[in-house]
């Protein structure tokens, strides 16, 4: 591991990111460093950058996200206009949607990646949300200042060690000794992270698929009663953690949200 790799931070803002969980995950991962890390939902990349595996298969159903990482592997540099400006934001959002909708696999993948980064940094609360037609619909953010990055060449060396894919988790080419870390969309009312969403049937399908893996598995999710019951029914060992986000509770103000970390094969 090269020293400068420890300095790399996730290049995108990402709601529900797991940087806060890295110390705990690192202690578990230390015993499995010779394995390949597989993330069916790589999201903002905080786990892979935090654990720094030699080999990784990083997947996400979000095509724009994976395209961004693939362009970073090529040394992405931005030449579009970058400004914390509402009119420019909606102009760039329209351009992104035109590229993203008309060209499912992107005829201009570089510009799509540039626009995706700009929308991510400038949009509301770092959300990534699509409507049922596949249109990016996050509104303009309310940041006072934004520090934009224009050159992603320093991510090349690290990201080029890893494979990025965009497909359904069940289609991944998993090997028996892979270490799988799954951070699916939370079991909460809002699940429109991608065009198709991620409903309860998907939570069940994912949990069953993971329970059948012969190697080590970790899953993180919001600790809702039905999620805990689902994971227990499939033989996972559960740990309940306090997440850094806060939720409203009747009569008690706001308290830490509960996160479940489910494991087997460790």
C-alpha atoms as a PDB file:
ATOM      1  CA  UNK A   1       0.000   0.000   0.000  1.00  0.00           C
ATOM      2  CA  UNK A   2       1.427   3.353  -0.940  1.00  0.00           C
ATOM      3  CA  UNK A   3       1.319   6.100   1.628  1.00  0.00           C
ATOM      4  CA  UNK A   4      -0.408   8.648  -0.571  1.00  0.00           C
ATOM      5  CA  UNK A   5      -3.316   6.271  -1.062  1.00  0.00           C
ATOM      6  CA  UNK A   6      -4.399   6.867   2.531  1.00  0.00           C
ATOM      7  CA  UNK A   7      -5.031  10.521   1.661  1.00  0.00           C
ATOM      8  CA  UNK A   8      -7.623   9.837  -1.027  1.00  0.00           C
ATOM      9  CA  UNK A   9     -11.102  10.943  -0.047  1.00  0.00           C
ATOM     10  CA  UNK A  10     -14.346  10.009  -1.801  1.00  0.00           C
ATOM     11  CA  UNK A  11     -14.636  12.322  -4.828  1.00  0.00           C
ATOM     12  CA  UNK A  12     -18.418  12.710  -4.492  1.00  0.00           C
ATOM     13  CA  UNK A  13     -20.821  13.838  -1.791  1.00  0.00           C
ATOM     14  CA  UNK A  14     -22.950  10.835  -0.914  1.00  0.00           C
ATOM     15  CA  UNK A  15     -25.973  10.603   1.359  1.00  0.00           C
ATOM     16  CA  UNK A  16     -25.667   7.582   3.642  1.00  0.00           C
ATOM     17  CA  UNK A  17     -21.914   7.276   3.100  1.00  0.00           C
ATOM     18  CA  UNK A  18     -20.050   4.904   5.387  1.00  0.00           C
ATOM     19  CA  UNK A  19     -16.859   6.782   6.269  1.00  0.00           C
ATOM     20  CA  UNK A  20     -17.988   6.708   9.891  1.00  0.00           C
ATOM     21  CA  UNK A  21     -18.018   2.900   9.779  1.00  0.00           C
ATOM     22  CA  UNK A  22     -14.483   2.482   8.403  1.00  0.00           C
ATOM     23  CA  UNK A  23     -12.743   1.959  11.796  1.00  0.00           C
ATOM     24  CA  UNK A  24     -15.020  -0.988  12.575  1.00  0.00           C
ATOM     25  CA  UNK A  25     -14.881  -2.404   9.064  1.00  0.00           C
ATOM     26  CA  UNK A  26     -11.080  -2.074   9.019  1.00  0.00           C
ATOM     27  CA  UNK A  27     -10.699  -4.302  12.060  1.00  0.00           C
ATOM     28  CA  UNK A  28     -12.779  -6.995  10.353  1.00  0.00           C
ATOM     29  CA  UNK A  29     -11.140  -6.541   6.955  1.00  0.00           C
ATOM     30  CA  UNK A  30      -7.620  -6.871   8.431  1.00  0.00           C
ATOM     31  CA  UNK A  31      -8.134 -10.636   8.698  1.00  0.00           C
ATOM     32  CA  UNK A  32      -9.230 -10.925   5.057  1.00  0.00           C
ATOM     33  CA  UNK A  33      -6.899  -8.578   3.182  1.00  0.00           C
ATOM     34  CA  UNK A  34      -5.790 -11.288   0.782  1.00  0.00           C
ATOM     35  CA  UNK A  35      -9.346 -11.663  -0.528  1.00  0.00           C
ATOM     36  CA  UNK A  36     -11.088  -9.647  -3.231  1.00  0.00           C
ATOM     37  CA  UNK A  37     -13.510  -7.043  -1.900  1.00  0.00           C
ATOM     38  CA  UNK A  38     -16.877  -7.087  -3.653  1.00  0.00           C
ATOM     39  CA  UNK A  39     -19.373  -4.263  -3.197  1.00  0.00           C
ATOM     40  CA  UNK A  40     -22.718  -4.767  -4.958  1.00  0.00           C
ATOM     41  CA  UNK A  41     -23.633  -1.158  -4.007  1.00  0.00           C
ATOM     42  CA  UNK A  42     -20.377   0.814  -4.053  1.00  0.00           C
ATOM     43  CA  UNK A  43     -22.077   4.227  -3.795  1.00  0.00           C
ATOM     44  CA  UNK A  44     -19.726   7.049  -2.846  1.00  0.00           C
ATOM     45  CA  UNK A  45     -16.718   4.698  -2.648  1.00  0.00           C
ATOM     46  CA  UNK A  46     -15.939   5.496   0.995  1.00  0.00           C
ATOM     47  CA  UNK A  47     -15.547   1.829   1.958  1.00  0.00           C
ATOM     48  CA  UNK A  48     -13.217   0.828  -0.870  1.00  0.00           C
ATOM     49  CA  UNK A  49     -11.078   3.951  -0.406  1.00  0.00           C
ATOM     50  CA  UNK A  50     -11.079   3.383   3.347  1.00  0.00           C
ATOM     51  CA  UNK A  51     -10.112  -0.306   3.206  1.00  0.00           C
ATOM     52  CA  UNK A  52      -7.832  -0.029   0.146  1.00  0.00           C
ATOM     53  CA  UNK A  53      -8.035  -3.615  -1.095  1.00  0.00           C
ATOM     54  CA  UNK A  54      -5.550  -4.821  -3.687  1.00  0.00           C
ATOM     55  CA  UNK A  55      -8.401  -6.391  -5.668  1.00  0.00           C
ATOM     56  CA  UNK A  56     -11.991  -5.188  -5.805  1.00  0.00           C
ATOM     57  CA  UNK A  57     -15.157  -5.646  -7.828  1.00  0.00           C
ATOM     58  CA  UNK A  58     -17.190  -2.481  -7.322  1.00  0.00           C
ATOM     59  CA  UNK A  59     -20.696  -2.450  -8.699  1.00  0.00           C
ATOM     60  CA  UNK A  60     -23.688  -0.160  -8.639  1.00  0.00           C
ATOM     61  CA  UNK A  61     -26.976  -0.055 -10.522  1.00  0.00           C
ATOM     62  CA  UNK A  62     -26.474   3.685 -11.050  1.00  0.00           C
ATOM     63  CA  UNK A  63     -25.000   3.962 -14.537  1.00  0.00           C
ATOM     64  CA  UNK A  64     -24.004   7.630 -14.174  1.00  0.00           C
ATOM     65  CA  UNK A  65     -22.093   6.839 -10.988  1.00  0.00           C
ATOM     66  CA  UNK A  66     -20.153   3.939 -12.491  1.00  0.00           C
ATOM     67  CA  UNK A  67     -19.419   5.958 -15.615  1.00  0.00           C
ATOM     68  CA  UNK A  68     -17.948   8.695 -13.404  1.00  0.00           C
ATOM     69  CA  UNK A  69     -15.565   6.219 -11.750  1.00  0.00           C
ATOM     70  CA  UNK A  70     -14.618   4.716 -15.099  1.00  0.00           C
ATOM     71  CA  UNK A  71     -13.773   8.182 -16.409  1.00  0.00           C
ATOM     72  CA  UNK A  72     -11.695   8.805 -13.262  1.00  0.00           C
ATOM     73  CA  UNK A  73      -9.760   5.648 -14.174  1.00  0.00           C
ATOM     74  CA  UNK A  74      -8.858   7.474 -17.393  1.00  0.00           C
ATOM     75  CA  UNK A  75      -7.755  10.635 -15.563  1.00  0.00           C
ATOM     76  CA  UNK A  76     -10.920  12.727 -15.768  1.00  0.00           C
ATOM     77  CA  UNK A  77     -10.444  16.481 -16.109  1.00  0.00           C
ATOM     78  CA  UNK A  78     -13.340  18.944 -16.115  1.00  0.00           C
ATOM     79  CA  UNK A  79     -13.691  21.673 -18.707  1.00  0.00           C
ATOM     80  CA  UNK A  80     -17.378  22.543 -18.197  1.00  0.00           C
ATOM     81  CA  UNK A  81     -18.349  25.716 -16.364  1.00  0.00           C
ATOM     82  CA  UNK A  82     -18.394  25.224 -12.575  1.00  0.00           C
ATOM     83  CA  UNK A  83     -20.256  27.715 -10.415  1.00  0.00           C
ATOM     84  CA  UNK A  84     -22.632  27.677  -7.470  1.00  0.00           C
ATOM     85  CA  UNK A  85     -25.318  29.290  -9.580  1.00  0.00           C
ATOM     86  CA  UNK A  86     -28.967  28.230  -9.785  1.00  0.00           C
ATOM     87  CA  UNK A  87     -29.488  29.026 -13.468  1.00  0.00           C
ATOM     88  CA  UNK A  88     -26.320  27.193 -14.449  1.00  0.00           C
ATOM     89  CA  UNK A  89     -27.336  24.235 -12.277  1.00  0.00           C
ATOM     90  CA  UNK A  90     -30.631  23.703 -14.073  1.00  0.00           C
ATOM     91  CA  UNK A  91     -28.950  24.222 -17.431  1.00  0.00           C
ATOM     92  CA  UNK A  92     -26.386  21.529 -16.626  1.00  0.00           C
ATOM     93  CA  UNK A  93     -29.087  19.256 -15.205  1.00  0.00           C
ATOM     94  CA  UNK A  94     -31.037  19.491 -18.457  1.00  0.00           C
ATOM     95  CA  UNK A  95     -27.888  18.712 -20.448  1.00  0.00           C
ATOM     96  CA  UNK A  96     -27.124  15.732 -18.231  1.00  0.00           C
ATOM     97  CA  UNK A  97     -30.630  14.344 -18.596  1.00  0.00           C
ATOM     98  CA  UNK A  98     -30.520  14.722 -22.360  1.00  0.00           C
ATOM     99  CA  UNK A  99     -27.266  12.782 -22.539  1.00  0.00           C
ATOM    100  CA  UNK A 100     -28.307  10.253 -19.936  1.00  0.00           C
ATOM    101  CA  UNK A 101     -31.772   9.556 -21.342  1.00  0.00           C
ATOM    102  CA  UNK A 102     -31.050   9.575 -25.058  1.00  0.00           C
ATOM    103  CA  UNK A 103     -27.813   7.597 -24.782  1.00  0.00           C
ATOM    104  CA  UNK A 104     -28.341   4.864 -22.216  1.00  0.00           C
ATOM    105  CA  UNK A 105     -24.705   3.854 -22.368  1.00  0.00           C
ATOM    106  CA  UNK A 106     -23.460   7.317 -23.188  1.00  0.00           C
ATOM    107  CA  UNK A 107     -22.039   8.439 -26.526  1.00  0.00           C
ATOM    108  CA  UNK A 108     -20.317  11.270 -24.654  1.00  0.00           C
ATOM    109  CA  UNK A 109     -19.332   9.472 -21.479  1.00  0.00           C
ATOM    110  CA  UNK A 110     -16.721  12.062 -20.530  1.00  0.00           C
ATOM    111  CA  UNK A 111     -19.143  15.002 -20.570  1.00  0.00           C
ATOM    112  CA  UNK A 112     -21.774  12.918 -18.764  1.00  0.00           C
ATOM    113  CA  UNK A 113     -19.241  12.259 -15.997  1.00  0.00           C
ATOM    114  CA  UNK A 114     -18.332  15.940 -15.766  1.00  0.00           C
ATOM    115  CA  UNK A 115     -21.975  16.973 -15.481  1.00  0.00           C
ATOM    116  CA  UNK A 116     -22.689  14.248 -12.928  1.00  0.00           C
ATOM    117  CA  UNK A 117     -19.869  15.523 -10.712  1.00  0.00           C
ATOM    118  CA  UNK A 118     -21.130  19.103 -10.976  1.00  0.00           C
ATOM    119  CA  UNK A 119     -24.719  18.094 -10.122  1.00  0.00           C
ATOM    120  CA  UNK A 120     -23.487  16.006  -7.206  1.00  0.00           C
ATOM    121  CA  UNK A 121     -21.491  18.857  -5.708  1.00  0.00           C
ATOM    122  CA  UNK A 122     -24.060  21.564  -6.384  1.00  0.00           C
ATOM    123  CA  UNK A 123     -27.396  19.797  -5.842  1.00  0.00           C
ATOM    124  CA  UNK A 124     -29.385  19.595  -2.635  1.00  0.00           C
ATOM    125  CA  UNK A 125     -27.692  17.731   0.247  1.00  0.00           C
ATOM    126  CA  UNK A 126     -25.574  15.511  -1.975  1.00  0.00           C
ATOM    127  CA  UNK A 127     -28.656  13.532  -2.979  1.00  0.00           C
ATOM    128  CA  UNK A 128     -28.744  11.297  -6.032  1.00  0.00           C
ATOM    129  CA  UNK A 129     -32.315  10.812  -7.163  1.00  0.00           C
ATOM    130  CA  UNK A 130     -33.996   9.838 -10.416  1.00  0.00           C
ATOM    131  CA  UNK A 131     -37.641   9.882 -11.449  1.00  0.00           C
ATOM    132  CA  UNK A 132     -39.346   6.864 -12.991  1.00  0.00           C
ATOM    133  CA  UNK A 133     -38.400   8.067 -16.462  1.00  0.00           C
ATOM    134  CA  UNK A 134     -34.749   8.026 -15.494  1.00  0.00           C
ATOM    135  CA  UNK A 135     -34.398  11.813 -15.190  1.00  0.00           C
ATOM    136  CA  UNK A 136     -32.127  13.268 -12.530  1.00  0.00           C
ATOM    137  CA  UNK A 137     -34.444  15.482 -10.451  1.00  0.00           C
ATOM    138  CA  UNK A 138     -32.467  16.734  -7.441  1.00  0.00           C
ATOM    139  CA  UNK A 139     -33.117  20.488  -6.930  1.00  0.00           C
ATOM    140  CA  UNK A 140     -30.478  23.185  -6.612  1.00  0.00           C
ATOM    141  CA  UNK A 141     -28.589  23.123  -3.319  1.00  0.00           C
ATOM    142  CA  UNK A 142     -28.193  25.861  -0.733  1.00  0.00           C
ATOM    143  CA  UNK A 143     -24.452  25.919  -0.146  1.00  0.00           C
ATOM    144  CA  UNK A 144     -22.702  29.219   0.567  1.00  0.00           C
ATOM    145  CA  UNK A 145     -19.489  28.107  -1.091  1.00  0.00           C
ATOM    146  CA  UNK A 146     -18.422  25.004  -2.993  1.00  0.00           C
ATOM    147  CA  UNK A 147     -14.878  23.846  -3.609  1.00  0.00           C
ATOM    148  CA  UNK A 148     -14.967  22.164  -6.996  1.00  0.00           C
ATOM    149  CA  UNK A 149     -12.313  19.744  -8.147  1.00  0.00           C
ATOM    150  CA  UNK A 150     -11.295  19.860 -11.788  1.00  0.00           C
ATOM    151  CA  UNK A 151      -8.598  17.201 -12.057  1.00  0.00           C
ATOM    152  CA  UNK A 152      -9.098  13.593 -10.924  1.00  0.00           C
ATOM    153  CA  UNK A 153      -5.817  12.196 -12.263  1.00  0.00           C
ATOM    154  CA  UNK A 154      -4.620  11.404  -8.717  1.00  0.00           C
ATOM    155  CA  UNK A 155      -7.395   8.790  -8.445  1.00  0.00           C
ATOM    156  CA  UNK A 156      -6.131   6.870 -11.466  1.00  0.00           C
ATOM    157  CA  UNK A 157      -3.506   4.676  -9.807  1.00  0.00           C
ATOM    158  CA  UNK A 158      -5.853   3.478  -7.068  1.00  0.00           C
ATOM    159  CA  UNK A 159      -8.997   3.055  -9.157  1.00  0.00           C
ATOM    160  CA  UNK A 160      -7.171   1.255 -11.956  1.00  0.00           C
ATOM    161  CA  UNK A 161      -6.518  -1.640  -9.572  1.00  0.00           C
ATOM    162  CA  UNK A 162     -10.261  -2.201  -9.305  1.00  0.00           C
ATOM    163  CA  UNK A 163     -13.028  -3.350 -11.628  1.00  0.00           C
ATOM    164  CA  UNK A 164     -16.206  -1.259 -11.900  1.00  0.00           C
ATOM    165  CA  UNK A 165     -19.442  -2.744 -13.191  1.00  0.00           C
ATOM    166  CA  UNK A 166     -23.063  -1.641 -13.551  1.00  0.00           C
ATOM    167  CA  UNK A 167     -25.526  -4.490 -13.246  1.00  0.00           C
ATOM    168  CA  UNK A 168     -27.929  -6.276 -10.947  1.00  0.00           C
ATOM    169  CA  UNK A 169     -26.155  -7.690  -7.891  1.00  0.00           C
ATOM    170  CA  UNK A 170     -27.246 -11.252  -8.699  1.00  0.00           C
ATOM    171  CA  UNK A 171     -25.440 -11.067 -12.053  1.00  0.00           C
ATOM    172  CA  UNK A 172     -22.031 -10.374 -10.493  1.00  0.00           C
ATOM    173  CA  UNK A 173     -19.272 -12.891 -11.174  1.00  0.00           C
ATOM    174  CA  UNK A 174     -18.719 -13.848  -7.538  1.00  0.00           C
ATOM    175  CA  UNK A 175     -15.968 -16.208  -6.428  1.00  0.00           C
ATOM    176  CA  UNK A 176     -16.360 -18.431  -3.364  1.00  0.00           C
ATOM    177  CA  UNK A 177     -13.607 -16.713  -1.353  1.00  0.00           C
ATOM    178  CA  UNK A 178     -14.698 -13.119  -2.110  1.00  0.00           C
ATOM    179  CA  UNK A 179     -15.356 -10.801   0.832  1.00  0.00           C
ATOM    180  CA  UNK A 180     -18.722  -9.152   0.136  1.00  0.00           C
ATOM    181  CA  UNK A 181     -19.714  -5.887   1.783  1.00  0.00           C
ATOM    182  CA  UNK A 182     -23.258  -4.842   0.884  1.00  0.00           C
ATOM    183  CA  UNK A 183     -24.696  -1.434   1.709  1.00  0.00           C
ATOM    184  CA  UNK A 184     -28.066  -1.469  -0.072  1.00  0.00           C
ATOM    185  CA  UNK A 185     -30.557   1.413  -0.082  1.00  0.00           C
ATOM    186  CA  UNK A 186     -32.038   1.650   3.398  1.00  0.00           C
ATOM    187  CA  UNK A 187     -35.372   0.085   4.296  1.00  0.00           C
ATOM    188  CA  UNK A 188     -37.044   3.496   4.459  1.00  0.00           C
ATOM    189  CA  UNK A 189     -39.907   5.159   2.509  1.00  0.00           C
ATOM    190  CA  UNK A 190     -37.531   6.991   0.116  1.00  0.00           C
ATOM    191  CA  UNK A 191     -35.809   4.484  -2.154  1.00  0.00           C
ATOM    192  CA  UNK A 192     -35.725   6.240  -5.539  1.00  0.00           C
ATOM    193  CA  UNK A 193     -31.948   6.139  -5.745  1.00  0.00           C
ATOM    194  CA  UNK A 194     -32.221   4.649  -9.213  1.00  0.00           C
ATOM    195  CA  UNK A 195     -34.971   4.568 -11.820  1.00  0.00           C
ATOM    196  CA  UNK A 196     -36.399   1.237 -10.626  1.00  0.00           C
ATOM    197  CA  UNK A 197     -36.117   1.923  -6.890  1.00  0.00           C
ATOM    198  CA  UNK A 198     -35.362  -0.735  -4.269  1.00  0.00           C
ATOM    199  CA  UNK A 199     -38.474  -2.106  -2.593  1.00  0.00           C
ATOM    200  CA  UNK A 200     -38.993  -4.774   0.069  1.00  0.00           C
ATOM    201  CA  UNK A 201     -38.922  -7.612  -2.451  1.00  0.00           C
ATOM    202  CA  UNK A 202     -35.454  -6.426  -3.470  1.00  0.00           C
ATOM    203  CA  UNK A 203     -34.329  -6.397   0.172  1.00  0.00           C
ATOM    204  CA  UNK A 204     -35.479 -10.011   0.501  1.00  0.00           C
ATOM    205  CA  UNK A 205     -33.863 -11.071  -2.770  1.00  0.00           C
ATOM    206  CA  UNK A 206     -30.557  -9.464  -1.765  1.00  0.00           C
ATOM    207  CA  UNK A 207     -30.523 -11.003   1.726  1.00  0.00           C
ATOM    208  CA  UNK A 208     -31.207 -14.479   0.343  1.00  0.00           C
ATOM    209  CA  UNK A 209     -28.503 -14.095  -2.317  1.00  0.00           C
ATOM    210  CA  UNK A 210     -25.952 -12.971   0.281  1.00  0.00           C
ATOM    211  CA  UNK A 211     -26.865 -15.778   2.671  1.00  0.00           C
ATOM    212  CA  UNK A 212     -25.876 -18.302   0.002  1.00  0.00           C
ATOM    213  CA  UNK A 213     -22.337 -16.928  -0.465  1.00  0.00           C
ATOM    214  CA  UNK A 214     -19.638 -19.328   0.763  1.00  0.00           C
ATOM    215  CA  UNK A 215     -17.215 -16.580   1.782  1.00  0.00           C
ATOM    216  CA  UNK A 216     -17.449 -13.781   4.372  1.00  0.00           C
ATOM    217  CA  UNK A 217     -20.351 -11.325   4.130  1.00  0.00           C
ATOM    218  CA  UNK A 218     -21.152  -8.033   5.840  1.00  0.00           C
ATOM    219  CA  UNK A 219     -24.364  -6.057   5.307  1.00  0.00           C
ATOM    220  CA  UNK A 220     -25.253  -2.643   6.692  1.00  0.00           C
ATOM    221  CA  UNK A 221     -28.798  -1.307   6.725  1.00  0.00           C
ATOM    222  CA  UNK A 222     -31.129   0.767   8.838  1.00  0.00           C
ATOM    223  CA  UNK A 223     -32.136  -1.363  11.824  1.00  0.00           C
ATOM    224  CA  UNK A 224     -35.849  -1.583  11.125  1.00  0.00           C
ATOM    225  CA  UNK A 225     -37.722  -4.462  12.806  1.00  0.00           C
ATOM    226  CA  UNK A 226     -38.379  -6.280   9.561  1.00  0.00           C
ATOM    227  CA  UNK A 227     -34.769  -5.940   8.358  1.00  0.00           C
ATOM    228  CA  UNK A 228     -33.499  -7.430  11.620  1.00  0.00           C
ATOM    229  CA  UNK A 229     -36.050 -10.244  11.418  1.00  0.00           C
ATOM    230  CA  UNK A 230     -35.120 -10.948   7.784  1.00  0.00           C
ATOM    231  CA  UNK A 231     -31.390 -11.173   8.455  1.00  0.00           C
ATOM    232  CA  UNK A 232     -31.880 -13.303  11.586  1.00  0.00           C
ATOM    233  CA  UNK A 233     -34.114 -15.720   9.695  1.00  0.00           C
ATOM    234  CA  UNK A 234     -31.285 -16.324   7.212  1.00  0.00           C
ATOM    235  CA  UNK A 235     -28.675 -17.021   9.887  1.00  0.00           C
ATOM    236  CA  UNK A 236     -26.830 -13.694   9.986  1.00  0.00           C
ATOM    237  CA  UNK A 237     -25.214 -12.492  13.208  1.00  0.00           C
ATOM    238  CA  UNK A 238     -26.424  -8.964  14.048  1.00  0.00           C
ATOM    239  CA  UNK A 239     -24.745  -5.985  15.713  1.00  0.00           C
ATOM    240  CA  UNK A 240     -26.688  -2.783  16.358  1.00  0.00           C
ATOM    241  CA  UNK A 241     -24.763   0.481  16.050  1.00  0.00           C
ATOM    242  CA  UNK A 242     -25.515   4.175  16.550  1.00  0.00           C
ATOM    243  CA  UNK A 243     -25.258   5.872  13.175  1.00  0.00           C
ATOM    244  CA  UNK A 244     -24.112   9.525  12.980  1.00  0.00           C
ATOM    245  CA  UNK A 245     -27.396  10.721  11.473  1.00  0.00           C
ATOM    246  CA  UNK A 246     -30.255  11.814  13.745  1.00  0.00           C
ATOM    247  CA  UNK A 247     -33.947  10.958  13.547  1.00  0.00           C
ATOM    248  CA  UNK A 248     -36.995  12.534  15.153  1.00  0.00           C
ATOM    249  CA  UNK A 249     -38.657  10.610  17.984  1.00  0.00           C
ATOM    250  CA  UNK A 250     -41.955  11.541  19.571  1.00  0.00           C
ATOM    251  CA  UNK A 251     -41.462  13.092  22.983  1.00  0.00           C
ATOM    252  CA  UNK A 252     -37.684  12.599  22.955  1.00  0.00           C
ATOM    253  CA  UNK A 253     -36.479  15.082  20.336  1.00  0.00           C
ATOM    254  CA  UNK A 254     -33.838  13.721  17.988  1.00  0.00           C
ATOM    255  CA  UNK A 255     -31.673  10.706  18.667  1.00  0.00           C
ATOM    256  CA  UNK A 256     -29.088   8.635  16.818  1.00  0.00           C
ATOM    257  CA  UNK A 257     -30.477   6.377  14.124  1.00  0.00           C
ATOM    258  CA  UNK A 258     -29.821   2.696  14.636  1.00  0.00           C
ATOM    259  CA  UNK A 259     -27.798   0.791  12.057  1.00  0.00           C
ATOM    260  CA  UNK A 260     -27.588  -2.998  11.804  1.00  0.00           C
ATOM    261  CA  UNK A 261     -24.368  -4.714  10.749  1.00  0.00           C
ATOM    262  CA  UNK A 262     -25.161  -8.285   9.728  1.00  0.00           C
ATOM    263  CA  UNK A 263     -22.453 -10.875   9.138  1.00  0.00           C
ATOM    264  CA  UNK A 264     -21.777 -14.478   8.332  1.00  0.00           C
ATOM    265  CA  UNK A 265     -18.670 -16.468   7.456  1.00  0.00           C
ATOM    266  CA  UNK A 266     -16.269 -14.198   9.334  1.00  0.00           C
END
